């Protein structure tokens, strides 16, 4: 009986660290899933602290963050987050987002003239009202004076991954998305080409800690991790 009691006590002691592991919830735009997955995986490996991740278009992400009370931090474009008027305790910059054109295997992109070509019939974009890269794509097309000429070719979808999926499936000629996601799917597409950053508004990607978070200590630990050399290298590898 005594041996059994000692065994139970030892079992409880061993289980306490796992049960006590810190856990935070981070909501992010779907186009940064690969970046956030890699950062949080490295963070969990180093600290043992768990991170729950929520992805979607930024309108849905910010809505969930503002009403659920369960989100600790949000990752997205600074301008979009400011308009969403989320109540942040602090914000920290992660990097700069970049717009690219991606194309299927066997194809290429040599400039906006390719978008105008008669053989090009469909161009996928994330939501031009709710998704930051959809807005950036719209600014690029208008800056180049080609929007009116190719408007009928545009296929508007909800998120960056959805736009990219049409290229992977070979169902569109091009898609305009962010560099981070383009790098993630590089083996599944023909390639990608950077868009001139002067043709769209700067995209500053930040992480904001909500005042409503009940895991402030754990949030601080994650934010400190983002400043480490290891985290910075991960971020750079994703094109930011």
Protein backbone atom coordinates (compact mmCIF):
# COMPACT_ATOMS: atom_id res chain seq x y z
CA UNK A 1 0.00 0.00 0.00
CA UNK A 2 2.80 2.38 0.94
CA UNK A 3 4.63 1.65 -2.30
CA UNK A 4 1.47 2.40 -4.26
CA UNK A 5 1.05 5.70 -2.43
CA UNK A 6 4.63 6.72 -3.19
CA UNK A 7 4.11 5.80 -6.84
CA UNK A 8 0.99 7.99 -7.04
CA UNK A 9 2.80 10.93 -5.44
CA UNK A 10 5.71 10.56 -7.88
CA UNK A 11 3.28 10.37 -10.81
CA UNK A 12 1.54 13.57 -9.70
CA UNK A 13 4.86 15.41 -9.33
CA UNK A 14 5.92 14.36 -12.81
CA UNK A 15 2.60 15.50 -14.30
CA UNK A 16 2.61 18.96 -12.74
CA UNK A 17 5.10 20.61 -15.16
CA UNK A 18 3.12 19.45 -18.20
CA UNK A 19 -0.16 20.67 -16.76
CA UNK A 20 1.42 23.95 -15.67
CA UNK A 21 2.93 24.74 -19.05
CA UNK A 22 2.13 28.30 -20.09
CA UNK A 23 -0.24 28.60 -23.04
CA UNK A 24 -1.04 31.66 -25.13
CA UNK A 25 -3.37 32.18 -28.06
CA UNK A 26 -2.07 34.03 -31.14
CA UNK A 27 -4.36 35.05 -34.01
CA UNK A 28 -2.76 35.81 -37.37
CA UNK A 29 -3.56 36.49 -40.99
CA UNK A 30 -3.57 33.23 -42.95
CA UNK A 31 -0.79 34.44 -45.24
CA UNK A 32 1.67 34.28 -42.34
CA UNK A 33 0.84 30.78 -41.20
CA UNK A 34 4.22 29.30 -42.17
CA UNK A 35 6.09 32.08 -40.35
CA UNK A 36 3.98 31.84 -37.20
CA UNK A 37 4.13 28.02 -37.21
CA UNK A 38 7.94 28.06 -37.40
CA UNK A 39 8.33 30.78 -34.76
CA UNK A 40 5.97 29.12 -32.29
CA UNK A 41 7.46 25.66 -32.86
CA UNK A 42 10.92 27.01 -32.05
CA UNK A 43 9.59 28.90 -29.04
CA UNK A 44 7.84 25.82 -27.65
CA UNK A 45 10.95 23.70 -28.19
CA UNK A 46 13.08 26.20 -26.25
CA UNK A 47 10.66 26.98 -23.43
CA UNK A 48 8.13 24.16 -23.24
CA UNK A 49 5.38 26.81 -23.36
CA UNK A 50 2.47 25.99 -25.65
CA UNK A 51 0.95 28.31 -28.25
CA UNK A 52 -2.50 27.95 -29.76
CA UNK A 53 -2.79 29.53 -33.22
CA UNK A 54 -5.80 30.93 -35.05
CA UNK A 55 -5.63 31.82 -38.76
CA UNK A 56 -7.97 33.55 -41.20
CA UNK A 57 -8.50 36.76 -43.13
CA UNK A 58 -7.67 39.79 -41.01
CA UNK A 59 -11.26 41.00 -40.69
CA UNK A 60 -12.26 37.69 -39.14
CA UNK A 61 -9.11 37.56 -37.01
CA UNK A 62 -9.59 41.03 -35.56
CA UNK A 63 -13.30 40.43 -34.98
CA UNK A 64 -12.54 37.27 -33.07
CA UNK A 65 -9.81 39.00 -31.08
CA UNK A 66 -12.12 41.84 -30.09
CA UNK A 67 -15.12 39.80 -28.96
CA UNK A 68 -13.90 36.37 -27.85
CA UNK A 69 -11.74 37.42 -24.92
CA UNK A 70 -9.63 34.32 -25.59
CA UNK A 71 -6.94 35.84 -27.85
CA UNK A 72 -3.73 37.07 -26.24
CA UNK A 73 -1.86 38.46 -29.27
CA UNK A 74 -2.59 39.34 -32.89
CA UNK A 75 -0.18 39.36 -35.85
CA UNK A 76 -0.96 41.45 -38.91
CA UNK A 77 -0.48 44.68 -40.82
CA UNK A 78 -0.09 47.70 -38.54
CA UNK A 79 -2.41 49.89 -40.60
CA UNK A 80 -5.15 47.28 -40.59
CA UNK A 81 -4.84 46.68 -36.85
CA UNK A 82 -5.01 50.41 -36.15
CA UNK A 83 -8.23 50.69 -38.15
CA UNK A 84 -9.65 47.70 -36.28
CA UNK A 85 -9.11 49.69 -33.06
CA UNK A 86 -8.07 46.69 -31.01
CA UNK A 87 -7.05 47.65 -27.48
CA UNK A 88 -3.36 46.77 -27.41
CA UNK A 89 -1.05 46.97 -24.42
CA UNK A 90 1.93 47.09 -26.77
CA UNK A 91 2.93 46.37 -30.38
CA UNK A 92 6.27 45.13 -31.70
CA UNK A 93 7.40 45.07 -35.31
CA UNK A 94 8.15 41.68 -36.85
CA UNK A 95 9.12 42.79 -40.37
CA UNK A 96 7.96 44.24 -43.69
CA UNK A 97 5.46 42.43 -45.89
CA UNK A 98 6.18 42.17 -49.62
CA UNK A 99 3.79 41.65 -52.55
CA UNK A 100 4.65 39.11 -55.25
CA UNK A 101 3.13 37.60 -58.37
CA UNK A 102 3.14 33.80 -58.41
CA UNK A 103 2.59 31.60 -61.45
CA UNK A 104 2.05 27.90 -62.24
CA UNK A 105 4.78 25.51 -63.31
CA UNK A 106 5.72 25.99 -66.94
CA UNK A 107 4.87 29.69 -66.85
CA UNK A 108 6.74 32.93 -66.09
CA UNK A 109 6.20 36.59 -65.21
CA UNK A 110 8.16 39.41 -66.84
CA UNK A 111 6.13 42.44 -65.83
CA UNK A 112 2.63 43.87 -65.94
CA UNK A 113 2.45 43.40 -69.71
CA UNK A 114 2.05 39.69 -69.00
CA UNK A 115 -1.11 40.40 -67.00
CA UNK A 116 -2.54 42.23 -70.01
CA UNK A 117 -1.81 39.41 -72.47
CA UNK A 118 -4.91 38.04 -74.22
CA UNK A 119 -3.97 34.47 -73.30
CA UNK A 120 -4.20 35.37 -69.60
CA UNK A 121 -7.80 34.86 -68.52
CA UNK A 122 -7.80 34.62 -64.71
CA UNK A 123 -5.77 36.31 -62.00
CA UNK A 124 -6.46 35.41 -58.36
CA UNK A 125 -6.37 38.00 -55.57
CA UNK A 126 -7.14 37.93 -51.85
CA UNK A 127 -10.12 40.05 -50.80
CA UNK A 128 -9.36 43.63 -51.93
CA UNK A 129 -11.40 45.12 -49.09
CA UNK A 130 -10.42 42.93 -46.15
CA UNK A 131 -7.04 41.34 -46.96
CA UNK A 132 -3.95 43.57 -46.89
CA UNK A 133 -2.35 41.87 -49.92
CA UNK A 134 -5.57 42.20 -51.86
CA UNK A 135 -5.46 45.93 -51.14
CA UNK A 136 -1.77 46.08 -52.07
CA UNK A 137 -2.46 44.24 -55.35
CA UNK A 138 -5.20 46.73 -56.17
CA UNK A 139 -2.85 49.64 -55.47
CA UNK A 140 -0.19 48.07 -57.68
CA UNK A 141 -2.58 47.60 -60.61
CA UNK A 142 -3.89 51.13 -60.32
CA UNK A 143 -0.38 52.54 -59.97
CA UNK A 144 0.55 50.84 -63.24
CA UNK A 145 -2.68 51.98 -64.91
CA UNK A 146 -3.79 48.44 -65.75
CA UNK A 147 -6.67 47.82 -63.33
CA UNK A 148 -9.47 48.81 -65.73
CA UNK A 149 -7.93 46.66 -68.46
CA UNK A 150 -7.75 43.48 -66.38
CA UNK A 151 -10.64 43.90 -63.95
CA UNK A 152 -12.72 41.31 -65.80
CA UNK A 153 -9.92 38.74 -65.33
CA UNK A 154 -9.77 39.08 -61.55
CA UNK A 155 -10.89 36.23 -59.32
CA UNK A 156 -11.38 37.60 -55.80
CA UNK A 157 -11.12 35.08 -52.94
CA UNK A 158 -11.00 35.42 -49.16
CA UNK A 159 -7.36 34.80 -48.23
CA UNK A 160 -3.80 34.54 -49.52
CA UNK A 161 -3.71 30.70 -49.25
CA UNK A 162 -6.93 30.45 -51.25
CA UNK A 163 -5.53 32.66 -54.03
CA UNK A 164 -2.35 30.59 -54.07
CA UNK A 165 -4.29 27.31 -54.23
CA UNK A 166 -5.67 28.27 -57.64
CA UNK A 167 -2.13 28.66 -59.00
CA UNK A 168 -1.06 25.34 -57.50
CA UNK A 169 -4.04 23.68 -59.17
CA UNK A 170 -3.26 25.41 -62.47
CA UNK A 171 -6.71 27.00 -62.54
CA UNK A 172 -5.48 30.60 -62.89
CA UNK A 173 -2.62 32.20 -64.79
CA UNK A 174 -1.34 34.31 -61.90
CA UNK A 175 -2.05 35.27 -58.29
CA UNK A 176 -0.87 38.20 -56.23
CA UNK A 177 0.04 37.22 -52.67
CA UNK A 178 2.74 37.84 -50.06
CA UNK A 179 6.36 36.71 -50.28
CA UNK A 180 6.15 34.69 -47.07
CA UNK A 181 3.46 32.36 -48.40
CA UNK A 182 5.08 32.24 -51.85
CA UNK A 183 8.25 30.87 -50.27
CA UNK A 184 6.25 28.28 -48.36
CA UNK A 185 4.68 26.88 -51.54
CA UNK A 186 7.67 27.42 -53.86
CA UNK A 187 7.96 23.72 -54.73
CA UNK A 188 4.33 23.60 -55.83
CA UNK A 189 4.42 26.57 -58.25
CA UNK A 190 6.49 27.72 -61.20
CA UNK A 191 7.94 30.63 -59.26
CA UNK A 192 7.29 34.16 -58.06
CA UNK A 193 8.36 37.69 -58.85
CA UNK A 194 8.62 40.62 -56.43
CA UNK A 195 6.42 43.63 -57.13
CA UNK A 196 7.96 47.11 -56.95
CA UNK A 197 7.37 48.25 -53.36
CA UNK A 198 6.87 51.83 -54.57
CA UNK A 199 3.59 50.80 -56.23
CA UNK A 200 1.74 50.02 -52.97
CA UNK A 201 1.62 51.31 -49.41
CA UNK A 202 4.26 49.96 -46.99
CA UNK A 203 3.17 46.82 -45.15
CA UNK A 204 4.50 46.75 -41.60
CA UNK A 205 3.81 43.41 -39.92
CA UNK A 206 3.53 43.66 -36.14
CA UNK A 207 2.48 41.59 -33.15
CA UNK A 208 0.13 43.28 -30.73
CA UNK A 209 -0.50 42.17 -27.15
CA UNK A 210 -4.10 42.76 -26.14
CA UNK A 211 -4.83 44.49 -22.83
CA UNK A 212 -7.51 41.88 -22.23
CA UNK A 213 -4.93 39.06 -22.17
CA UNK A 214 -4.81 37.15 -18.90
CA UNK A 215 -1.43 35.62 -19.80
CA UNK A 216 0.73 38.72 -19.65
CA UNK A 217 3.81 36.98 -18.28
CA UNK A 218 3.71 34.36 -21.03
CA UNK A 219 3.17 37.06 -23.67
CA UNK A 220 6.24 38.91 -22.42
CA UNK A 221 8.25 35.70 -22.67
CA UNK A 222 7.16 35.18 -26.28
CA UNK A 223 7.90 38.80 -27.21
CA UNK A 224 11.40 38.46 -25.76
CA UNK A 225 11.89 35.32 -27.83
CA UNK A 226 10.99 37.24 -31.01
CA UNK A 227 13.98 39.51 -30.37
CA UNK A 228 16.48 36.64 -30.19
CA UNK A 229 18.88 35.85 -33.03
CA UNK A 230 17.14 32.51 -33.57
CA UNK A 231 13.75 34.15 -34.07
CA UNK A 232 15.21 36.87 -36.29
CA UNK A 233 16.77 34.24 -38.55
CA UNK A 234 13.44 32.42 -38.85
CA UNK A 235 11.71 35.69 -39.75
CA UNK A 236 14.36 36.54 -42.36
CA UNK A 237 14.04 33.07 -43.90
CA UNK A 238 10.38 33.85 -44.56
CA UNK A 239 11.21 36.96 -46.60
CA UNK A 240 10.69 39.58 -43.92
